[in-house]
N, C-alpha and C. Protein backbone atom coordinates (compact mmCIF):
# COMPACT_ATOMS: atom_id res chain seq x y z
N MET A 1 0.46 -1.39 0.02
CA MET A 1 -0.17 0.04 -0.37
C MET A 1 0.52 1.46 0.00
N SER A 2 0.19 2.23 -0.75
CA SER A 2 1.47 3.26 -0.88
C SER A 2 1.24 4.22 0.22
N TRP A 3 1.98 5.30 0.43
CA TRP A 3 1.87 5.67 1.59
C TRP A 3 0.38 6.65 1.23
N ALA A 4 0.43 7.80 0.39
CA ALA A 4 -1.31 8.17 -0.29
C ALA A 4 -1.86 7.03 -0.31
N ASN A 5 -2.36 6.08 0.00
CA ASN A 5 -3.65 5.03 0.24
C ASN A 5 -3.30 4.90 1.78
N ALA A 6 -1.88 4.50 2.37
CA ALA A 6 -2.55 4.63 3.68
C ALA A 6 -2.90 5.64 4.65
N ASP A 7 -2.33 7.10 4.59
CA ASP A 7 -2.94 7.86 4.85
C ASP A 7 -4.54 8.26 4.49
N ARG A 8 -4.82 7.74 3.27
CA ARG A 8 -6.32 7.91 3.91
C ARG A 8 -7.28 7.20 4.56
N VAL A 9 -6.35 6.06 4.27
CA VAL A 9 -7.34 5.20 5.33
C VAL A 9 -6.77 5.63 7.01
N TRP A 10 -5.47 5.95 7.36
CA TRP A 10 -5.52 6.34 8.32
C TRP A 10 -6.28 7.37 9.25
N VAL A 11 -6.92 8.43 7.62
CA VAL A 11 -7.50 9.65 8.23
C VAL A 11 -9.07 9.42 8.30
N SER A 12 -9.50 8.20 7.27
CA SER A 12 -10.73 8.01 7.18
C SER A 12 -11.34 7.48 8.92
N SER A 13 -10.77 6.31 9.17
CA SER A 13 -10.81 5.56 10.47
C SER A 13 -10.95 6.35 11.50
N GLN A 14 -10.08 7.22 11.44
CA GLN A 14 -9.55 8.72 12.81
C GLN A 14 -11.43 9.46 12.16
N ILE A 15 -11.48 9.73 11.19
CA ILE A 15 -12.91 10.80 11.14
C ILE A 15 -14.26 9.72 11.93
N LEU A 16 -13.89 8.48 11.58
CA LEU A 16 -14.84 7.25 11.85
C LEU A 16 -15.21 7.24 13.21
N LEU A 17 -14.15 7.30 14.05
CA LEU A 17 -14.47 7.01 15.75
C LEU A 17 -14.67 8.30 16.14
N MET A 18 -13.94 9.54 15.46
CA MET A 18 -14.44 10.73 15.78
C MET A 18 -16.04 11.19 15.74
N ALA A 19 -16.74 10.45 14.27
CA ALA A 19 -17.93 10.58 14.45
C ALA A 19 -19.20 10.18 15.21
N LEU A 20 -18.49 8.54 15.70
CA LEU A 20 -18.93 7.68 16.33
C LEU A 20 -19.47 8.60 17.83
N VAL A 21 -17.95 9.12 18.01
CA VAL A 21 -18.38 9.44 19.52
C VAL A 21 -19.81 9.93 19.23
N VAL A 22 -19.26 11.48 18.53
CA VAL A 22 -20.20 12.53 18.25
C VAL A 22 -22.21 11.92 18.62
N VAL A 23 -22.30 11.29 17.45
CA VAL A 23 -23.80 10.65 17.36
C VAL A 23 -23.73 9.41 18.45
N ALA A 24 -22.96 9.03 19.48
CA ALA A 24 -22.76 8.41 20.48
C ALA A 24 -23.52 9.55 21.68
N ALA A 25 -22.97 10.79 21.35
CA ALA A 25 -22.88 11.90 22.05
C ALA A 25 -24.50 12.59 22.24
N VAL A 26 -24.63 12.70 20.81
CA VAL A 26 -25.98 12.91 20.08
C VAL A 26 -27.36 12.48 21.05
N PHE A 27 -26.87 10.70 20.25
CA PHE A 27 -28.46 10.06 19.98
C PHE A 27 -28.43 9.26 21.73
N GLY A 28 -27.25 8.82 22.44
CA GLY A 28 -27.20 7.85 23.29
C GLY A 28 -28.05 8.47 24.33
N PRO A 29 -27.65 6.97 25.48
CA PRO A 29 -28.76 8.13 26.33
C PRO A 29 -27.72 8.96 27.07
N HIS A 30 -28.59 9.27 28.16
CA HIS A 30 -27.14 10.62 28.83
C HIS A 30 -27.54 10.13 30.07
N TRP A 31 -25.97 10.40 31.28
CA TRP A 31 -25.55 10.38 32.31
C TRP A 31 -26.68 9.93 33.18
N PRO A 32 -26.80 9.27 34.01
CA PRO A 32 -28.30 9.59 35.16
C PRO A 32 -27.38 11.09 35.92
N VAL A 33 -25.98 10.99 36.64
CA VAL A 33 -25.79 12.31 37.16
C VAL A 33 -24.46 12.99 36.54
N GLY A 34 -25.65 13.54 35.86
CA GLY A 34 -25.41 14.46 35.01
C GLY A 34 -24.65 16.41 35.17
N LEU A 35 -24.64 16.75 36.57
CA LEU A 35 -23.49 17.52 36.52
C LEU A 35 -22.32 17.92 36.87
N VAL A 36 -21.57 16.57 37.41
CA VAL A 36 -20.58 16.53 37.65
C VAL A 36 -20.13 16.60 36.48
N LEU A 37 -20.49 14.98 35.84
CA LEU A 37 -19.73 15.06 34.91
C LEU A 37 -19.29 15.90 33.44
N ALA A 38 -20.87 15.89 33.53
CA ALA A 38 -20.94 17.63 32.74
C ALA A 38 -19.73 18.57 32.54
N ILE A 39 -19.38 18.41 33.92
CA ILE A 39 -18.34 20.00 34.21
C ILE A 39 -16.92 19.26 33.58
N VAL A 40 -16.84 18.24 34.23
CA VAL A 40 -15.52 17.77 34.40
C VAL A 40 -15.28 17.31 32.62
N GLY A 41 -16.23 17.16 32.27
CA GLY A 41 -15.93 16.87 30.37
C GLY A 41 -16.06 17.82 29.75
N VAL A 42 -16.73 19.06 30.02
CA VAL A 42 -16.57 20.12 29.74
C VAL A 42 -15.16 20.97 29.62
N ALA A 43 -14.43 20.73 30.90
CA ALA A 43 -12.83 20.69 31.26
C ALA A 43 -12.15 20.05 30.17
N LEU A 44 -12.29 18.54 30.26
CA LEU A 44 -11.61 18.23 29.36
C LEU A 44 -11.43 18.77 28.03
N THR A 45 -12.78 19.02 27.44
CA THR A 45 -13.30 19.54 26.35
C THR A 45 -12.15 20.43 26.10
N ILE A 46 -12.41 21.40 27.14
CA ILE A 46 -11.58 22.57 26.34
C ILE A 46 -10.27 22.61 26.63
N VAL A 47 -9.41 21.99 27.68
CA VAL A 47 -8.15 21.77 28.17
C VAL A 47 -7.96 20.57 26.49
N GLY A 48 -8.66 19.70 25.63
CA GLY A 48 -7.78 19.05 24.62
C GLY A 48 -8.32 19.82 23.44
N GLY A 49 -9.05 20.62 22.93
CA GLY A 49 -8.65 21.72 22.29
C GLY A 49 -7.80 22.45 22.49
N LEU A 50 -7.59 23.43 23.42
CA LEU A 50 -6.09 24.31 23.48
C LEU A 50 -4.83 23.61 23.33
N ALA A 51 -4.96 21.78 23.63
CA ALA A 51 -3.82 21.59 23.39
C ALA A 51 -3.32 21.12 21.65
N MET A 52 -4.80 21.21 21.08
CA MET A 52 -5.19 20.48 19.52
C MET A 52 -4.48 22.09 19.06
N LEU A 53 -4.79 22.79 19.97
CA LEU A 53 -4.59 24.38 19.21
C LEU A 53 -2.94 24.45 18.61
N TRP A 54 -2.66 24.46 19.95
CA TRP A 54 -1.42 24.84 20.13
C TRP A 54 -0.59 24.14 19.15
N GLY A 55 -0.33 22.43 19.80
CA GLY A 55 0.00 21.55 18.66
C GLY A 55 0.21 22.70 17.36
N GLY A 56 -1.14 22.92 16.82
CA GLY A 56 -1.43 22.73 15.42
C GLY A 56 -0.65 24.52 14.67
N ARG A 57 -1.43 25.01 15.85
CA ARG A 57 -0.52 26.21 15.57
C ARG A 57 1.37 26.45 15.64
N THR A 58 2.08 25.13 16.35
CA THR A 58 3.13 25.04 16.00
C THR A 58 3.89 24.95 15.15
N LEU A 59 3.17 23.37 14.49
CA LEU A 59 3.52 22.49 13.11
C LEU A 59 3.04 23.51 12.11
N GLY A 60 2.53 24.74 12.02
CA GLY A 60 2.58 25.61 10.86
C GLY A 60 1.68 25.01 9.83
N ARG A 61 2.58 25.63 9.04
CA ARG A 61 2.55 25.41 7.44
C ARG A 61 3.08 23.75 7.26
N SER A 62 3.40 23.08 8.32
CA SER A 62 3.42 21.91 8.02
C SER A 62 2.42 20.61 8.89
N LEU A 63 1.78 21.39 9.21
CA LEU A 63 0.38 21.05 9.87
C LEU A 63 -0.28 19.92 8.85
N THR A 64 -0.58 18.86 8.68
CA THR A 64 -1.34 18.07 7.75
C THR A 64 -1.65 16.64 9.13
N ILE A 65 -3.27 17.03 8.33
CA ILE A 65 -4.82 15.48 8.38
C ILE A 65 -4.05 13.95 8.23
N TYR A 66 -2.66 13.92 7.90
CA TYR A 66 -1.91 12.68 7.22
C TYR A 66 -1.01 12.51 8.00
N PRO A 67 -0.72 11.02 8.50
CA PRO A 67 0.09 10.77 9.55
C PRO A 67 1.44 11.02 8.59
N SER A 68 1.87 11.60 7.38
CA SER A 68 3.38 11.18 6.52
C SER A 68 3.43 12.40 6.71
N PRO A 69 5.05 12.94 7.09
CA PRO A 69 5.18 14.80 7.62
C PRO A 69 5.21 15.19 6.27
N ARG A 70 5.55 16.55 6.80
CA ARG A 70 5.37 17.40 5.89
C ARG A 70 6.62 18.23 6.09
N GLY A 71 7.51 17.68 6.56
CA GLY A 71 8.95 18.41 7.53
C GLY A 71 9.75 17.89 7.99
N SER A 72 10.47 18.66 8.76
CA SER A 72 11.11 17.99 9.83
C SER A 72 10.44 18.18 11.18
N HIS A 73 10.89 17.17 11.96
CA HIS A 73 10.49 17.03 13.46
C HIS A 73 10.51 18.59 14.41
N LEU A 74 9.83 18.84 15.33
CA LEU A 74 9.81 19.97 16.05
C LEU A 74 10.42 19.66 17.46
N GLU A 75 10.62 20.48 17.77
CA GLU A 75 10.95 20.25 19.82
C GLU A 75 10.85 21.94 20.72
N ARG A 76 9.81 22.50 19.57
CA ARG A 76 9.38 24.07 20.76
C ARG A 76 8.12 23.75 20.78
N GLY A 77 7.05 24.52 21.65
CA GLY A 77 5.95 24.82 21.99
C GLY A 77 5.89 23.08 22.89
N PRO A 78 4.62 22.71 22.24
CA PRO A 78 4.38 21.52 23.20
C PRO A 78 5.22 19.81 22.90
N TYR A 79 5.70 20.23 21.50
CA TYR A 79 6.81 19.02 21.78
C TYR A 79 7.57 18.75 22.12
N ARG A 80 7.76 19.78 23.01
CA ARG A 80 8.82 19.37 23.76
C ARG A 80 8.97 18.98 24.74
N PHE A 81 7.52 18.50 25.31
CA PHE A 81 6.84 17.54 25.80
C PHE A 81 6.23 16.42 25.53
N VAL A 82 6.02 16.54 24.59
CA VAL A 82 4.72 15.80 23.76
C VAL A 82 5.23 15.52 22.59
N ARG A 83 5.43 14.20 22.07
CA ARG A 83 5.61 13.64 20.45
C ARG A 83 4.34 14.24 19.51
N HIS A 84 2.86 13.63 20.28
CA HIS A 84 1.63 14.41 19.74
C HIS A 84 0.60 14.95 20.39
N PRO A 85 1.24 15.90 20.91
CA PRO A 85 0.02 16.42 21.63
C PRO A 85 -1.19 17.08 20.46
N ILE A 86 -1.22 16.78 19.43
CA ILE A 86 -2.57 16.91 18.91
C ILE A 86 -3.48 15.01 18.98
N TYR A 87 -2.90 14.72 18.94
CA TYR A 87 -3.74 13.22 19.22
C TYR A 87 -3.84 13.29 20.78
N GLY A 88 -2.87 13.64 21.48
CA GLY A 88 -3.35 13.70 22.95
C GLY A 88 -4.76 14.28 22.89
N GLY A 89 -4.29 15.91 22.38
CA GLY A 89 -6.25 16.71 22.86
C GLY A 89 -7.09 15.87 22.45
N GLY A 90 -6.58 15.31 21.52
CA GLY A 90 -7.69 14.73 20.89
C GLY A 90 -8.27 13.43 21.26
N ILE A 91 -8.05 12.87 21.89
CA ILE A 91 -8.40 12.02 22.85
C ILE A 91 -8.69 12.81 24.32
N LEU A 92 -8.89 14.04 24.46
CA LEU A 92 -9.27 14.65 26.07
C LEU A 92 -10.33 14.74 25.54
N VAL A 93 -9.97 15.79 24.36
CA VAL A 93 -11.41 16.58 23.73
C VAL A 93 -12.90 14.67 23.44
N ALA A 94 -12.26 13.59 22.72
CA ALA A 94 -12.73 12.86 22.48
C ALA A 94 -13.40 12.23 23.71
N LEU A 95 -13.06 12.20 25.47
CA LEU A 95 -13.47 11.47 26.68
C LEU A 95 -13.96 12.89 26.93
N GLY A 96 -13.59 14.09 26.75
CA GLY A 96 -14.81 15.13 27.85
C GLY A 96 -15.74 14.93 26.85
N VAL A 97 -16.24 15.01 25.73
CA VAL A 97 -17.88 15.00 25.34
C VAL A 97 -18.25 13.98 25.12
N ALA A 98 -17.76 12.09 25.74
CA ALA A 98 -18.69 11.72 26.21
C ALA A 98 -18.62 11.68 27.80
N LEU A 99 -18.10 12.37 27.95
CA LEU A 99 -18.34 12.36 29.76
C LEU A 99 -19.33 13.35 29.88
N ALA A 100 -19.43 14.42 29.26
CA ALA A 100 -20.44 15.67 29.43
C ALA A 100 -22.18 15.18 28.60
N SER A 101 -21.90 14.39 27.98
CA SER A 101 -22.91 14.05 27.41
C SER A 101 -23.74 12.32 27.42
N SER A 102 -23.26 10.77 27.52
CA SER A 102 -23.69 9.65 26.92
C SER A 102 -22.30 8.81 27.31
N PRO A 103 -22.77 7.64 28.08
CA PRO A 103 -21.87 6.56 28.57
C PRO A 103 -21.35 5.95 27.09
N VAL A 104 -22.39 5.58 26.21
CA VAL A 104 -22.33 5.08 25.16
C VAL A 104 -21.13 5.78 24.64
N ALA A 105 -20.78 6.78 24.49
CA ALA A 105 -19.92 7.80 23.61
C ALA A 105 -18.46 7.58 24.30
N LEU A 106 -17.83 6.19 25.31
CA LEU A 106 -16.99 6.29 26.04
C LEU A 106 -16.52 5.31 24.70
N ALA A 107 -16.82 4.50 24.51
CA ALA A 107 -16.59 3.04 23.21
C ALA A 107 -15.56 3.64 22.79
N PRO A 108 -16.47 4.66 21.71
CA PRO A 108 -15.38 5.13 20.66
C PRO A 108 -14.47 5.72 20.93
N ALA A 109 -14.85 7.03 21.93
CA ALA A 109 -13.83 7.45 23.06
C ALA A 109 -12.55 6.98 23.31
N LEU A 110 -13.03 5.82 24.33
CA LEU A 110 -11.42 5.01 24.50
C LEU A 110 -10.90 4.26 23.09
N ALA A 111 -11.80 3.37 22.95
CA ALA A 111 -11.11 3.47 21.15
C ALA A 111 -9.92 4.19 20.51
N LEU A 112 -10.31 5.82 20.36
CA LEU A 112 -9.22 6.49 20.05
C LEU A 112 -7.86 6.24 20.08
N VAL A 113 -7.67 5.87 21.87
CA VAL A 113 -6.27 5.21 22.52
C VAL A 113 -5.71 4.95 21.66
N PRO A 114 -6.30 3.50 21.34
CA PRO A 114 -5.48 2.01 20.84
C PRO A 114 -5.06 2.56 19.59
N PHE A 115 -6.21 3.31 19.17
CA PHE A 115 -5.84 3.96 17.76
C PHE A 115 -4.80 4.72 17.37
N PHE A 116 -4.74 6.07 18.45
CA PHE A 116 -3.46 7.19 18.15
C PHE A 116 -2.45 6.48 18.41
N LEU A 117 -2.37 5.20 19.13
CA LEU A 117 -0.92 5.09 19.46
C LEU A 117 -0.15 4.05 18.32
N VAL A 118 -1.22 3.54 18.19
CA VAL A 118 -0.51 2.60 16.40
C VAL A 118 -0.30 3.54 15.38
N LYS A 119 -1.35 4.92 15.15
CA LYS A 119 -1.16 5.77 14.44
C LYS A 119 0.02 6.46 14.15
N ALA A 120 0.45 6.57 16.06
CA ALA A 120 1.91 7.82 16.44
C ALA A 120 2.78 6.42 15.45
N ARG A 121 3.00 5.52 15.76
CA ARG A 121 4.34 4.70 16.17
C ARG A 121 4.30 4.36 14.54
N TYR A 122 2.96 4.99 13.81
CA TYR A 122 3.13 4.51 11.82
C TYR A 122 4.32 5.65 11.51
N GLU A 123 3.97 6.96 12.19
CA GLU A 123 4.09 7.87 11.99
C GLU A 123 5.59 8.35 12.06
N GLU A 124 5.39 8.45 13.27
CA GLU A 124 7.42 8.53 13.71
C GLU A 124 7.41 7.24 12.77
N ARG A 125 7.77 6.62 12.65
CA ARG A 125 8.58 5.26 11.51
C ARG A 125 9.07 5.88 10.36
N LEU A 126 7.70 6.99 9.56
CA LEU A 126 8.12 8.11 8.36
C LEU A 126 8.57 9.00 9.24
N LEU A 127 8.80 9.53 9.96
CA LEU A 127 9.62 10.17 10.56
C LEU A 127 10.44 9.91 10.47
N ALA A 128 11.06 8.98 11.35
CA ALA A 128 12.45 8.24 11.52
C ALA A 128 13.30 8.21 10.48
N GLN A 129 12.68 7.54 9.45
CA GLN A 129 13.26 7.84 7.59
C GLN A 129 12.84 9.46 6.88
N ALA A 130 12.71 9.80 7.39
CA ALA A 130 12.22 11.88 6.59
C ALA A 130 13.11 12.58 7.46
N ASP A 131 13.52 11.89 8.36
CA ASP A 131 14.79 12.97 9.99
C ASP A 131 15.33 12.42 10.74
N HIS A 132 16.73 12.49 10.07
CA HIS A 132 18.09 11.53 10.92
C HIS A 132 18.24 11.90 12.36
N GLY A 133 17.56 13.62 12.09
CA GLY A 133 17.70 13.78 13.77
C GLY A 133 16.18 13.39 15.03
N TYR A 134 15.52 12.29 14.45
CA TYR A 134 14.19 12.33 14.87
C TYR A 134 14.36 11.32 16.49
N ALA A 135 15.63 10.28 15.46
CA ALA A 135 15.73 9.00 16.94
C ALA A 135 16.41 9.55 17.67
N GLU A 136 16.89 10.63 17.57
CA GLU A 136 17.88 11.47 18.87
C GLU A 136 16.15 11.81 19.93
N TYR A 137 15.24 12.60 18.64
CA TYR A 137 14.19 13.60 19.28
C TYR A 137 13.70 12.43 20.36
N LEU A 138 13.55 11.16 19.63
CA LEU A 138 13.04 10.30 20.52
C LEU A 138 12.76 9.70 21.81
N VAL A 139 14.16 9.67 22.32
CA VAL A 139 15.26 9.37 23.32
C VAL A 139 15.11 10.52 24.26
N ARG A 140 14.82 11.73 23.83
CA ARG A 140 14.44 12.96 25.11
C ARG A 140 13.19 13.05 25.24
N VAL A 141 11.92 13.28 24.05
CA VAL A 141 10.83 13.22 24.59
C VAL A 141 10.40 11.28 24.57
N ARG A 142 10.12 11.11 25.64
CA ARG A 142 9.42 10.30 25.37
C ARG A 142 7.84 10.11 25.61
N SER A 143 7.12 10.51 25.78
CA SER A 143 5.47 11.06 25.97
C SER A 143 5.48 10.98 24.48
N ARG A 144 3.99 10.00 23.94
CA ARG A 144 3.85 10.32 23.47
C ARG A 144 2.43 11.64 23.23
N PHE A 145 1.66 11.50 24.42
CA PHE A 145 0.66 12.13 24.38
C PHE A 145 0.38 13.00 25.83
N PHE A 146 0.98 12.75 26.91
CA PHE A 146 0.98 13.03 27.95
C PHE A 146 1.83 13.11 28.51
N PRO A 147 2.61 14.32 29.30
CA PRO A 147 3.84 14.88 30.03
C PRO A 147 3.87 13.69 30.99
N GLY A 148 4.88 12.40 31.04
CA GLY A 148 4.53 11.67 32.00
C GLY A 148 3.79 10.15 32.10
N LEU A 149 2.72 10.07 31.68
CA LEU A 149 1.87 9.09 31.43
C LEU A 149 1.92 8.06 30.00
N LEU A 150 1.53 9.49 28.82
CA LEU A 150 1.41 7.59 27.72
C LEU A 150 2.41 8.54 26.86
């Protein structure tokens, strides 16, 4: 499979998982204890959205929806702390939406974690091939999504 085809499969799968979170959030049954989970959910959604925005702004013209790199890796902004802040932010947004809305939305939200782990490994292989300094970056920045966690 070519890089272009693989990129389309990754992006299509990601869009599908995120759409499932939204559909479950809108049409699924709501949490019985709503206020506390809604507050936590909204907070996670905001923090995740800000992380995604910071990561995207830091990437600038290198930002792409595809895992194939459009330049060398960065070591500024959130990329000093984690290798994939946009993926981490996406996980927080999905979990936040699920907590603020429906327990049914938790399944596709949690499915994003292993999905992004596999996608990140794929992207890191491509980055290592395209950027010889990336191997050293992997040693310096150990966390993929959340500092000190994952």
